[in-house]
PDB file of all heavy atoms in Angstrom:
ATOM      1  N   GLY A   1      91.332  86.045  93.262  1.00  0.00           N
ATOM      2  CA  GLY A   1      92.082  85.369  94.294  1.00  0.00           C
ATOM      3  C   GLY A   1      93.536  85.609  94.257  1.00  0.00           C
ATOM      4  O   GLY A   1      94.339  84.936  94.892  1.00  0.00           O
ATOM      5  N   THR A   2      93.932  86.615  93.458  1.00  0.00           N
ATOM      6  CA  THR A   2      95.398  86.842  93.251  1.00  0.00           C
ATOM      7  C   THR A   2      95.780  88.333  93.468  1.00  0.00           C
ATOM      8  O   THR A   2      94.992  89.115  93.677  1.00  0.00           O
ATOM      9  CB  THR A   2      95.816  86.418  91.801  1.00  0.00           C
ATOM     10  OG1 THR A   2      95.349  87.471  90.867  1.00  0.00           O
ATOM     11  CG2 THR A   2      95.222  85.125  91.442  1.00  0.00           C
ATOM     12  N   ALA A   3      97.090  88.594  93.252  1.00  0.00           N
ATOM     13  CA  ALA A   3      97.614  89.951  93.254  1.00  0.00           C
ATOM     14  C   ALA A   3      97.857  90.348  91.772  1.00  0.00           C
ATOM     15  O   ALA A   3      98.505  91.392  91.536  1.00  0.00           O
ATOM     16  CB  ALA A   3      98.868  90.070  94.081  1.00  0.00           C
ATOM     17  N   ASP A   4      97.354  89.604  90.819  1.00  0.00           N
ATOM     18  CA  ASP A   4      97.619  89.769  89.406  1.00  0.00           C
ATOM     19  C   ASP A   4      96.388  90.317  88.711  1.00  0.00           C
ATOM     20  O   ASP A   4      95.369  89.554  88.585  1.00  0.00           O
ATOM     21  CB  ASP A   4      98.045  88.528  88.752  1.00  0.00           C
ATOM     22  CG  ASP A   4      98.307  88.608  87.262  1.00  0.00           C
ATOM     23  OD1 ASP A   4      98.301  89.741  86.746  1.00  0.00           O
ATOM     24  OD2 ASP A   4      98.549  87.579  86.611  1.00  0.00           O
ATOM     25  N   PRO A   5      96.339  91.562  88.243  1.00  0.00           N
ATOM     26  CA  PRO A   5      95.118  92.106  87.629  1.00  0.00           C
ATOM     27  C   PRO A   5      94.682  91.344  86.363  1.00  0.00           C
ATOM     28  O   PRO A   5      93.508  91.268  86.043  1.00  0.00           O
ATOM     29  CB  PRO A   5      95.450  93.569  87.329  1.00  0.00           C
ATOM     30  CG  PRO A   5      96.978  93.608  87.329  1.00  0.00           C
ATOM     31  CD  PRO A   5      97.355  92.604  88.349  1.00  0.00           C
ATOM     32  N   ALA A   6      95.641  90.746  85.656  1.00  0.00           N
ATOM     33  CA  ALA A   6      95.308  90.008  84.474  1.00  0.00           C
ATOM     34  C   ALA A   6      94.474  88.794  84.794  1.00  0.00           C
ATOM     35  O   ALA A   6      93.693  88.304  83.956  1.00  0.00           O
ATOM     36  CB  ALA A   6      96.572  89.525  83.700  1.00  0.00           C
ATOM     37  N   ALA A   7      94.539  88.259  86.007  1.00  0.00           N
ATOM     38  CA  ALA A   7      93.767  87.088  86.391  1.00  0.00           C
ATOM     39  C   ALA A   7      92.313  87.300  86.382  1.00  0.00           C
ATOM     40  O   ALA A   7      91.524  86.323  86.274  1.00  0.00           O
ATOM     41  CB  ALA A   7      94.321  86.590  87.757  1.00  0.00           C
ATOM     42  N   LEU A   8      91.853  88.518  86.617  1.00  0.00           N
ATOM     43  CA  LEU A   8      90.363  88.752  86.593  1.00  0.00           C
ATOM     44  C   LEU A   8      89.815  88.439  85.263  1.00  0.00           C
ATOM     45  O   LEU A   8      88.689  87.884  85.155  1.00  0.00           O
ATOM     46  CB  LEU A   8      90.053  90.176  86.995  1.00  0.00           C
ATOM     47  CG  LEU A   8      88.543  90.492  86.950  1.00  0.00           C
ATOM     48  CD1 LEU A   8      87.826  89.760  88.145  1.00  0.00           C
ATOM     49  CD2 LEU A   8      88.252  91.945  87.031  1.00  0.00           C
ATOM     50  N   HIS A   9      90.530  88.739  84.199  1.00  0.00           N
ATOM     51  CA  HIS A   9      90.023  88.443  82.849  1.00  0.00           C
ATOM     52  C   HIS A   9      89.966  86.921  82.663  1.00  0.00           C
ATOM     53  O   HIS A   9      89.075  86.444  81.982  1.00  0.00           O
ATOM     54  CB  HIS A   9      90.915  89.105  81.803  1.00  0.00           C
ATOM     55  CG  HIS A   9      90.865  90.625  81.841  1.00  0.00           C
ATOM     56  ND1 HIS A   9      89.945  91.356  81.182  1.00  0.00           N
ATOM     57  CD2 HIS A   9      91.625  91.482  82.564  1.00  0.00           C
ATOM     58  CE1 HIS A   9      90.109  92.621  81.425  1.00  0.00           C
ATOM     59  NE2 HIS A   9      91.122  92.720  82.262  1.00  0.00           N
ATOM     60  N   ARG A  10      90.939  86.210  83.175  1.00  0.00           N
ATOM     61  CA  ARG A  10      90.846  84.725  83.156  1.00  0.00           C
ATOM     62  C   ARG A  10      89.673  84.237  83.937  1.00  0.00           C
ATOM     63  O   ARG A  10      88.995  83.294  83.540  1.00  0.00           O
ATOM     64  CB  ARG A  10      92.156  84.189  83.718  1.00  0.00           C
ATOM     65  CG  ARG A  10      92.207  82.663  83.800  1.00  0.00           C
ATOM     66  CD  ARG A  10      92.107  82.012  82.475  1.00  0.00           C
ATOM     67  NE  ARG A  10      92.277  80.573  82.596  1.00  0.00           N
ATOM     68  CZ  ARG A  10      91.791  79.682  81.655  1.00  0.00           C
ATOM     69  NH1 ARG A  10      91.131  80.144  80.597  1.00  0.00           N
ATOM     70  NH2 ARG A  10      91.917  78.415  81.851  1.00  0.00           N
ATOM     71  N   GLU A  11      89.366  84.886  85.055  1.00  0.00           N
ATOM     72  CA  GLU A  11      88.224  84.502  85.890  1.00  0.00           C
ATOM     73  C   GLU A  11      86.904  84.660  85.033  1.00  0.00           C
ATOM     74  O   GLU A  11      86.061  83.740  85.109  1.00  0.00           O
ATOM     75  CB  GLU A  11      88.147  85.402  87.093  1.00  0.00           C
ATOM     76  CG  GLU A  11      87.037  85.012  88.081  1.00  0.00           C
ATOM     77  CD  GLU A  11      87.356  83.779  88.911  1.00  0.00           C
ATOM     78  OE1 GLU A  11      88.516  83.348  88.936  1.00  0.00           O
ATOM     79  OE2 GLU A  11      86.414  83.213  89.497  1.00  0.00           O
ATOM     80  N   LEU A  12      86.829  85.730  84.312  1.00  0.00           N
ATOM     81  CA  LEU A  12      85.600  85.915  83.497  1.00  0.00           C
ATOM     82  C   LEU A  12      85.472  84.822  82.424  1.00  0.00           C
ATOM     83  O   LEU A  12      84.422  84.304  82.133  1.00  0.00           O
ATOM     84  CB  LEU A  12      85.588  87.310  82.811  1.00  0.00           C
ATOM     85  CG  LEU A  12      85.591  88.506  83.804  1.00  0.00           C
ATOM     86  CD1 LEU A  12      85.622  89.813  83.033  1.00  0.00           C
ATOM     87  CD2 LEU A  12      84.348  88.427  84.689  1.00  0.00           C
ATOM     88  N   GLU A  13      86.598  84.457  81.810  1.00  0.00           N
ATOM     89  CA  GLU A  13      86.567  83.361  80.861  1.00  0.00           C
ATOM     90  C   GLU A  13      86.114  82.032  81.479  1.00  0.00           C
ATOM     91  O   GLU A  13      85.320  81.382  80.880  1.00  0.00           O
ATOM     92  CB  GLU A  13      88.000  83.130  80.293  1.00  0.00           C
ATOM     93  CG  GLU A  13      88.511  84.228  79.332  1.00  0.00           C
ATOM     94  CD  GLU A  13      89.890  83.840  78.867  1.00  0.00           C
ATOM     95  OE1 GLU A  13      90.112  82.656  78.501  1.00  0.00           O
ATOM     96  OE2 GLU A  13      90.778  84.718  78.913  1.00  0.00           O
ATOM     97  N   LEU A  14      86.590  81.784  82.650  1.00  0.00           N
ATOM     98  CA  LEU A  14      86.246  80.510  83.346  1.00  0.00           C
ATOM     99  C   LEU A  14      84.829  80.483  83.792  1.00  0.00           C
ATOM    100  O   LEU A  14      84.137  79.457  83.744  1.00  0.00           O
ATOM    101  CB  LEU A  14      87.173  80.293  84.544  1.00  0.00           C
ATOM    102  CG  LEU A  14      88.664  79.930  84.152  1.00  0.00           C
ATOM    103  CD1 LEU A  14      89.503  79.991  85.380  1.00  0.00           C
ATOM    104  CD2 LEU A  14      88.680  78.588  83.538  1.00  0.00           C
ATOM    105  N   LEU A  15      84.232  81.676  84.151  1.00  0.00           N
ATOM    106  CA  LEU A  15      82.829  81.768  84.504  1.00  0.00           C
ATOM    107  C   LEU A  15      81.952  81.422  83.223  1.00  0.00           C
ATOM    108  O   LEU A  15      80.991  80.694  83.368  1.00  0.00           O
ATOM    109  CB  LEU A  15      82.449  83.179  84.990  1.00  0.00           C
ATOM    110  CG  LEU A  15      82.930  83.506  86.414  1.00  0.00           C
ATOM    111  CD1 LEU A  15      82.652  84.951  86.720  1.00  0.00           C
ATOM    112  CD2 LEU A  15      82.336  82.579  87.479  1.00  0.00           C
ATOM    113  N   VAL A  16      82.405  81.907  82.085  1.00  0.00           N
ATOM    114  CA  VAL A  16      81.662  81.692  80.853  1.00  0.00           C
ATOM    115  C   VAL A  16      81.796  80.214  80.497  1.00  0.00           C
ATOM    116  O   VAL A  16      80.817  79.523  80.111  1.00  0.00           O
ATOM    117  CB  VAL A  16      82.108  82.546  79.711  1.00  0.00           C
ATOM    118  CG1 VAL A  16      81.516  82.118  78.403  1.00  0.00           C
ATOM    119  CG2 VAL A  16      81.719  84.000  80.017  1.00  0.00           C
ATOM    120  N   HIS A  17      82.965  79.631  80.651  1.00  0.00           N
ATOM    121  CA  HIS A  17      83.216  78.256  80.358  1.00  0.00           C
ATOM    122  C   HIS A  17      82.369  77.335  81.298  1.00  0.00           C
ATOM    123  O   HIS A  17      81.915  76.259  80.889  1.00  0.00           O
ATOM    124  CB  HIS A  17      84.674  77.939  80.575  1.00  0.00           C
ATOM    125  CG  HIS A  17      85.028  76.455  80.161  1.00  0.00           C
ATOM    126  ND1 HIS A  17      84.994  76.024  78.883  1.00  0.00           N
ATOM    127  CD2 HIS A  17      85.414  75.398  80.931  1.00  0.00           C
ATOM    128  CE1 HIS A  17      85.377  74.767  78.859  1.00  0.00           C
ATOM    129  NE2 HIS A  17      85.570  74.368  80.086  1.00  0.00           N
ATOM    130  N   ALA A  18      82.058  77.845  82.496  1.00  0.00           N
ATOM    131  CA  ALA A  18      81.247  77.059  83.457  1.00  0.00           C
ATOM    132  C   ALA A  18      79.730  77.259  83.294  1.00  0.00           C
ATOM    133  O   ALA A  18      78.973  76.702  84.043  1.00  0.00           O
ATOM    134  CB  ALA A  18      81.690  77.437  84.880  1.00  0.00           C
ATOM    135  N   GLY A  19      79.321  78.057  82.328  1.00  0.00           N
ATOM    136  CA  GLY A  19      77.947  78.190  82.067  1.00  0.00           C
ATOM    137  C   GLY A  19      77.327  79.573  82.025  1.00  0.00           C
ATOM    138  O   GLY A  19      76.182  79.798  81.705  1.00  0.00           O
ATOM    139  N   PHE A  20      78.087  80.581  82.558  1.00  0.00           N
ATOM    140  CA  PHE A  20      77.590  82.015  82.461  1.00  0.00           C
ATOM    141  C   PHE A  20      77.525  82.452  81.053  1.00  0.00           C
ATOM    142  O   PHE A  20      78.348  82.011  80.196  1.00  0.00           O
ATOM    143  CB  PHE A  20      78.570  82.877  83.196  1.00  0.00           C
ATOM    144  CG  PHE A  20      78.343  83.042  84.645  1.00  0.00           C
ATOM    145  CD1 PHE A  20      78.283  81.906  85.496  1.00  0.00           C
ATOM    146  CD2 PHE A  20      78.237  84.221  85.246  1.00  0.00           C
ATOM    147  CE1 PHE A  20      78.102  82.042  86.864  1.00  0.00           C
ATOM    148  CE2 PHE A  20      77.960  84.435  86.621  1.00  0.00           C
ATOM    149  CZ  PHE A  20      77.946  83.271  87.414  1.00  0.00           C
ATOM    150  N   THR A  21      76.584  83.298  80.719  1.00  0.00           N
ATOM    151  CA  THR A  21      76.692  84.011  79.437  1.00  0.00           C
ATOM    152  C   THR A  21      77.718  85.134  79.630  1.00  0.00           C
ATOM    153  O   THR A  21      77.945  85.601  80.809  1.00  0.00           O
ATOM    154  CB  THR A  21      75.338  84.602  79.067  1.00  0.00           C
ATOM    155  OG1 THR A  21      74.999  85.643  80.049  1.00  0.00           O
ATOM    156  CG2 THR A  21      74.263  83.626  79.006  1.00  0.00           C
ATOM    157  N   PRO A  22      78.279  85.689  78.549  1.00  0.00           N
ATOM    158  CA  PRO A  22      79.180  86.800  78.724  1.00  0.00           C
ATOM    159  C   PRO A  22      78.510  88.027  79.403  1.00  0.00           C
ATOM    160  O   PRO A  22      79.146  88.653  80.201  1.00  0.00           O
ATOM    161  CB  PRO A  22      79.602  87.113  77.258  1.00  0.00           C
ATOM    162  CG  PRO A  22      79.489  85.825  76.552  1.00  0.00           C
ATOM    163  CD  PRO A  22      78.327  85.143  77.201  1.00  0.00           C
ATOM    164  N   LEU A  23      77.267  88.173  79.162  1.00  0.00           N
ATOM    165  CA  LEU A  23      76.531  89.342  79.809  1.00  0.00           C
ATOM    166  C   LEU A  23      76.458  89.068  81.303  1.00  0.00           C
ATOM    167  O   LEU A  23      76.664  89.995  82.115  1.00  0.00           O
ATOM    168  CB  LEU A  23      75.126  89.411  79.213  1.00  0.00           C
ATOM    169  CG  LEU A  23      74.346  90.712  79.604  1.00  0.00           C
ATOM    170  CD1 LEU A  23      75.038  91.919  78.968  1.00  0.00           C
ATOM    171  CD2 LEU A  23      72.911  90.608  79.012  1.00  0.00           C
ATOM    172  N   GLN A  24      76.259  87.859  81.782  1.00  0.00           N
ATOM    173  CA  GLN A  24      76.156  87.577  83.175  1.00  0.00           C
ATOM    174  C   GLN A  24      77.615  87.757  83.785  1.00  0.00           C
ATOM    175  O   GLN A  24      77.732  88.152  84.937  1.00  0.00           O
ATOM    176  CB  GLN A  24      75.680  86.118  83.396  1.00  0.00           C
ATOM    177  CG  GLN A  24      74.198  85.967  83.090  1.00  0.00           C
ATOM    178  CD  GLN A  24      73.723  84.543  82.983  1.00  0.00           C
ATOM    179  OE1 GLN A  24      74.604  83.602  82.804  1.00  0.00           O
ATOM    180  NE2 GLN A  24      72.475  84.302  83.202  1.00  0.00           N
ATOM    181  N   ALA A  25      78.655  87.335  83.053  1.00  0.00           N
ATOM    182  CA  ALA A  25      80.018  87.472  83.556  1.00  0.00           C
ATOM    183  C   ALA A  25      80.325  88.950  83.743  1.00  0.00           C
ATOM    184  O   ALA A  25      81.012  89.310  84.773  1.00  0.00           O
ATOM    185  CB  ALA A  25      80.985  86.800  82.634  1.00  0.00           C
ATOM    186  N   VAL A  26      79.973  89.790  82.802  1.00  0.00           N
ATOM    187  CA  VAL A  26      80.261  91.205  82.960  1.00  0.00           C
ATOM    188  C   VAL A  26      79.490  91.774  84.144  1.00  0.00           C
ATOM    189  O   VAL A  26      80.039  92.535  84.951  1.00  0.00           O
ATOM    190  CB  VAL A  26      79.779  92.012  81.631  1.00  0.00           C
ATOM    191  CG1 VAL A  26      79.847  93.520  81.909  1.00  0.00           C
ATOM    192  CG2 VAL A  26      80.750  91.604  80.493  1.00  0.00           C
ATOM    193  N   ARG A  27      78.276  91.349  84.355  1.00  0.00           N
ATOM    194  CA  ARG A  27      77.483  91.778  85.536  1.00  0.00           C
ATOM    195  C   ARG A  27      78.166  91.418  86.789  1.00  0.00           C
ATOM    196  O   ARG A  27      78.202  92.151  87.789  1.00  0.00           O
ATOM    197  CB  ARG A  27      76.097  91.238  85.453  1.00  0.00           C
ATOM    198  CG  ARG A  27      75.207  91.682  86.615  1.00  0.00           C
ATOM    199  CD  ARG A  27      73.803  91.037  86.631  1.00  0.00           C
ATOM    200  NE  ARG A  27      72.961  91.480  87.693  1.00  0.00           N
ATOM    201  CZ  ARG A  27      73.043  91.016  88.955  1.00  0.00           C
ATOM    202  NH1 ARG A  27      73.896  90.061  89.267  1.00  0.00           N
ATOM    203  NH2 ARG A  27      72.238  91.502  89.867  1.00  0.00           N
TER     204      ARG A  27
END
């Protein structure tokens, strides 16, 4: 949701924090 490429990595962290496995977040 941003113009900052670093924010995608934060998005993946938050998906995992919300219940995704890391494998699901990568997918």
